[in-house]
Amino acid sequence: HPDPLAAPRRPCHPPSMPRNPRHGFAALATLATILLLATLVLTLQTRVQSNIRIMARLTTDLQDRAARDSLHDRLRGLIADSMAGGAAPKLDGTPFILTEASRNWEVRVQDVEGLIDLYLAPPDVLAILPIDAATTTAAREQALASLQPGERFPVIAMTLARFRIAPEAVEGLVTQSSTTGSLRTATMPEILRVRAPNQQPGPREGEQITRVTIAITRAP
């Protein structure tokens, strides 16, 4: 029989095994590999989505360009008829709708002699525009001093910048392709008619129209 006065024996446990540090390093390496793969997959997905968006935009741009080219071909006959005295389209920038490539397009055809020429228009004609004519005239004279007689800036956007004119204020109202400084009142845009109701007919009013500009945009 066990001695009741003897101290109780403690249960014996097997000695614990020391931890292997290599197991921790392997777990960290595995986690790092998983994070690296996830990053690579995310980067690849982002690049693929970006390429898809770029391709979609390029496709849309090509389709729009093809539609505009087709519309230009269709407009040749219409504009020729109008220049010869036909009824449509009007050559004063009045918008009309044409359908091409399953889309509606807003088309404006404008006789350049019905627009205000930035180089040749006298100050009183420049004053028809919604701008400060005095400031524009002074800026024009300063800009023209750097050009040879008869020379013009390559694009109208550069001309507007040099003449200190906000492009949005005169969109569709000005040109640098006219041959006179006066307006052909029969083909003035409506906004110019409103701003200059007493504008006198120009010297080429009765002459045949020989040059027009065409603007084609998606219909709203």
Protein backbone atom coordinates (compact mmCIF):
# COMPACT_ATOMS: atom_id res chain seq x y z
CA HIS A 1 0.00 0.00 0.00
CA PRO A 2 1.35 3.45 -0.70
CA ASP A 3 2.44 5.53 2.21
CA PRO A 4 -0.26 8.14 2.78
CA LEU A 5 2.31 10.49 4.22
CA ALA A 6 4.52 10.35 1.18
CA ALA A 7 4.47 13.32 -1.28
CA PRO A 8 2.38 12.74 -4.39
CA ARG A 9 4.30 11.87 -7.49
CA ARG A 10 4.14 14.31 -10.42
CA PRO A 11 3.13 12.85 -13.76
CA CYS A 12 5.98 12.35 -16.12
CA HIS A 13 5.83 14.19 -19.53
CA PRO A 14 8.03 13.37 -22.44
CA PRO A 15 10.65 16.00 -23.09
CA SER A 16 9.52 18.67 -25.65
CA MET A 17 11.19 18.66 -29.07
CA PRO A 18 13.07 21.89 -30.00
CA ARG A 19 11.48 23.92 -32.85
CA ASN A 20 13.18 23.77 -36.23
CA PRO A 21 13.87 27.37 -37.46
CA ARG A 22 13.84 26.13 -41.05
CA HIS A 23 10.08 25.59 -40.86
CA GLY A 24 9.53 29.34 -40.19
CA PHE A 25 11.78 30.35 -43.05
CA ALA A 26 9.91 28.01 -45.40
CA ALA A 27 6.55 29.52 -44.39
CA LEU A 28 7.85 33.05 -44.99
CA ALA A 29 9.24 32.04 -48.38
CA THR A 30 5.93 30.48 -49.35
CA LEU A 31 4.01 33.59 -48.26
CA ALA A 32 6.41 35.84 -50.19
CA THR A 33 5.97 33.70 -53.30
CA ILE A 34 2.18 33.89 -53.02
CA LEU A 35 2.29 37.69 -52.62
CA LEU A 36 4.63 38.00 -55.61
CA LEU A 37 2.35 35.87 -57.78
CA ALA A 38 -0.70 37.87 -56.70
CA THR A 39 1.10 41.12 -57.57
CA LEU A 40 2.11 39.77 -60.99
CA VAL A 41 -1.45 38.61 -61.71
CA LEU A 42 -2.89 41.99 -60.67
CA THR A 43 -0.35 43.85 -62.81
CA LEU A 44 -1.10 41.61 -65.78
CA GLN A 45 -4.86 42.09 -65.38
CA THR A 46 -4.43 45.88 -65.16
CA ARG A 47 -2.28 45.91 -68.29
CA VAL A 48 -4.72 43.72 -70.21
CA GLN A 49 -7.67 45.94 -69.22
CA SER A 50 -5.70 49.04 -70.23
CA ASN A 51 -4.85 47.49 -73.61
CA ILE A 52 -8.51 46.57 -74.12
CA ARG A 53 -9.58 50.16 -73.45
CA ILE A 54 -6.92 51.51 -75.81
CA MET A 55 -7.93 49.09 -78.56
CA ALA A 56 -11.60 49.98 -78.09
CA ARG A 57 -10.80 53.68 -78.35
CA LEU A 58 -8.65 53.15 -81.44
CA THR A 59 -11.40 51.07 -83.04
CA THR A 60 -13.95 53.80 -82.32
CA ASP A 61 -11.62 56.47 -83.72
CA LEU A 62 -11.06 54.44 -86.89
CA GLN A 63 -14.80 53.89 -87.31
CA ASP A 64 -15.47 57.60 -86.82
CA ARG A 65 -12.76 58.52 -89.31
CA ALA A 66 -14.15 56.11 -91.88
CA ALA A 67 -17.65 57.50 -91.34
CA ARG A 68 -16.41 61.07 -91.79
CA ASP A 69 -14.55 60.14 -94.97
CA SER A 70 -17.71 58.53 -96.32
CA LEU A 71 -19.73 61.61 -95.40
CA HIS A 72 -17.25 63.85 -97.19
CA ASP A 73 -17.73 61.75 -100.33
CA ARG A 74 -21.52 62.03 -100.01
CA LEU A 75 -21.33 65.79 -99.46
CA ARG A 76 -19.37 66.53 -102.62
CA GLY A 77 -22.39 66.26 -104.86
CA LEU A 78 -24.67 68.10 -102.41
CA ILE A 79 -22.23 70.98 -102.00
CA ALA A 80 -21.60 71.20 -105.74
CA ASP A 81 -25.35 71.49 -106.32
CA SER A 82 -25.64 74.14 -103.60
CA MET A 83 -22.75 76.16 -105.05
CA ALA A 84 -24.53 76.09 -108.39
CA GLY A 85 -27.66 77.54 -106.82
CA GLY A 86 -29.33 74.47 -105.32
CA ALA A 87 -31.39 74.58 -102.17
CA ALA A 88 -29.47 72.25 -99.86
CA PRO A 89 -27.32 72.23 -97.95
CA LYS A 90 -27.15 75.86 -96.86
CA LEU A 91 -23.63 77.26 -96.92
CA ASP A 92 -24.00 79.50 -93.86
CA GLY A 93 -23.11 76.92 -91.24
CA THR A 94 -26.72 75.89 -90.57
CA PRO A 95 -26.51 72.35 -89.11
CA PHE A 96 -28.26 69.39 -90.69
CA ILE A 97 -28.23 65.68 -89.88
CA LEU A 98 -26.85 62.85 -92.00
CA THR A 99 -26.80 59.18 -91.01
CA GLU A 100 -23.66 57.15 -91.60
CA ALA A 101 -22.39 53.92 -89.99
CA SER A 102 -25.58 53.59 -87.94
CA ARG A 103 -24.95 56.98 -86.30
CA ASN A 104 -26.38 60.44 -86.79
CA TRP A 105 -23.85 63.14 -87.63
CA GLU A 106 -24.29 66.89 -87.42
CA VAL A 107 -22.88 68.55 -90.53
CA ARG A 108 -22.14 72.23 -91.09
CA VAL A 109 -21.03 73.64 -94.43
CA GLN A 110 -19.74 77.20 -94.38
CA ASP A 111 -18.67 79.54 -97.16
CA VAL A 112 -15.35 81.03 -96.00
CA GLU A 113 -16.30 84.43 -97.43
CA GLY A 114 -19.17 84.49 -94.95
CA LEU A 115 -16.74 84.33 -92.02
CA ILE A 116 -14.63 87.09 -90.50
CA ASP A 117 -11.06 86.87 -91.73
CA LEU A 118 -8.67 87.40 -88.83
CA TYR A 119 -5.99 88.98 -91.00
CA LEU A 120 -7.99 91.10 -93.46
CA ALA A 121 -11.06 92.22 -91.52
CA PRO A 122 -10.99 95.89 -90.54
CA PRO A 123 -11.56 96.81 -86.87
CA ASP A 124 -15.26 97.56 -87.40
CA VAL A 125 -15.79 94.03 -88.80
CA LEU A 126 -13.75 92.48 -85.99
CA ALA A 127 -16.04 94.33 -83.59
CA ILE A 128 -18.91 92.07 -84.72
CA LEU A 129 -17.25 89.20 -82.87
CA PRO A 130 -17.86 88.71 -79.13
CA ILE A 131 -14.34 89.95 -78.32
CA ASP A 132 -12.54 93.16 -77.41
CA ALA A 133 -11.89 94.45 -80.92
CA ALA A 134 -9.39 97.12 -79.82
CA THR A 135 -7.24 94.61 -77.92
CA THR A 136 -7.42 92.15 -80.80
CA THR A 137 -6.46 94.78 -83.37
CA ALA A 138 -3.42 95.82 -81.32
CA ALA A 139 -2.36 92.20 -80.78
CA ARG A 140 -2.85 91.50 -84.48
CA GLU A 141 -0.62 94.37 -85.54
CA GLN A 142 2.07 93.21 -83.12
CA ALA A 143 1.88 89.61 -84.35
CA LEU A 144 1.87 90.55 -88.03
CA ALA A 145 5.06 92.54 -87.53
CA SER A 146 6.93 89.24 -87.20
CA LEU A 147 5.57 87.88 -90.52
CA GLN A 148 6.42 88.61 -94.12
CA PRO A 149 3.72 90.48 -96.12
CA GLY A 150 0.96 88.01 -97.02
CA GLU A 151 2.33 85.32 -94.69
CA ARG A 152 0.04 83.68 -92.13
CA PHE A 153 0.46 81.39 -89.16
CA PRO A 154 0.19 77.67 -90.09
CA VAL A 155 -3.01 76.90 -88.17
CA ILE A 156 -5.90 79.01 -86.97
CA ALA A 157 -5.36 77.93 -83.36
CA MET A 158 -1.93 79.59 -83.46
CA THR A 159 -3.44 82.69 -85.03
CA LEU A 160 -6.05 82.97 -82.27
CA ALA A 161 -3.38 82.59 -79.61
CA ARG A 162 -1.16 85.25 -81.19
CA PHE A 163 -4.12 87.61 -81.61
CA ARG A 164 -5.20 86.97 -77.98
CA ILE A 165 -8.62 85.58 -78.87
CA ALA A 166 -10.29 82.84 -76.84
CA PRO A 167 -11.07 79.99 -79.30
CA GLU A 168 -14.42 79.15 -77.69
CA ALA A 169 -15.62 82.75 -78.17
CA VAL A 170 -15.28 82.69 -81.97
CA GLU A 171 -15.73 79.02 -82.84
CA GLY A 172 -17.29 78.70 -86.30
CA LEU A 173 -17.18 82.48 -86.89
CA VAL A 174 -13.66 83.22 -88.14
CA THR A 175 -11.30 82.12 -90.87
CA GLN A 176 -7.85 82.85 -92.22
CA SER A 177 -8.69 81.60 -95.71
CA SER A 178 -10.82 84.46 -97.02
CA THR A 179 -9.64 86.60 -99.92
CA THR A 180 -11.28 89.84 -98.79
CA GLY A 181 -11.80 91.59 -95.49
CA SER A 182 -15.53 92.00 -96.02
CA LEU A 183 -18.37 89.58 -95.32
CA ARG A 184 -20.62 87.89 -97.84
CA THR A 185 -23.86 88.60 -96.00
CA ALA A 186 -25.81 85.86 -97.81
CA THR A 187 -23.71 83.16 -96.12
CA MET A 188 -22.99 84.72 -92.72
CA PRO A 189 -23.66 82.42 -89.75
CA GLU A 190 -26.83 83.28 -87.88
CA ILE A 191 -24.99 84.56 -84.82
CA LEU A 192 -23.15 87.13 -86.95
CA ARG A 193 -26.46 88.22 -88.51
CA VAL A 194 -27.82 88.85 -85.03
CA ARG A 195 -24.76 90.82 -83.94
CA ALA A 196 -24.57 92.84 -87.16
CA PRO A 197 -28.12 93.25 -88.54
CA ASN A 198 -27.09 96.30 -90.61
CA GLN A 199 -23.98 94.78 -92.17
CA GLN A 200 -23.66 95.96 -95.76
CA PRO A 201 -23.22 93.39 -98.58
CA GLY A 202 -19.62 92.71 -99.52
CA PRO A 203 -18.08 93.40 -102.93
CA ARG A 204 -18.20 89.72 -103.89
CA GLU A 205 -21.81 89.18 -102.87
CA GLY A 206 -22.93 88.11 -106.32
CA GLU A 207 -19.91 85.96 -107.13
CA GLN A 208 -20.07 82.18 -107.16
CA ILE A 209 -18.99 80.43 -103.98
CA THR A 210 -15.71 78.62 -104.56
CA ARG A 211 -14.49 77.49 -101.16
CA VAL A 212 -16.26 76.09 -98.12
CA THR A 213 -15.33 74.50 -94.80
CA ILE A 214 -17.00 71.33 -93.54
CA ALA A 215 -17.48 70.43 -89.88
CA ILE A 216 -18.74 66.95 -88.99
CA THR A 217 -19.49 65.96 -85.39
CA ARG A 218 -21.61 63.32 -83.70
CA ALA A 219 -25.17 64.44 -83.36
CA PRO A 220 -26.17 65.16 -79.75
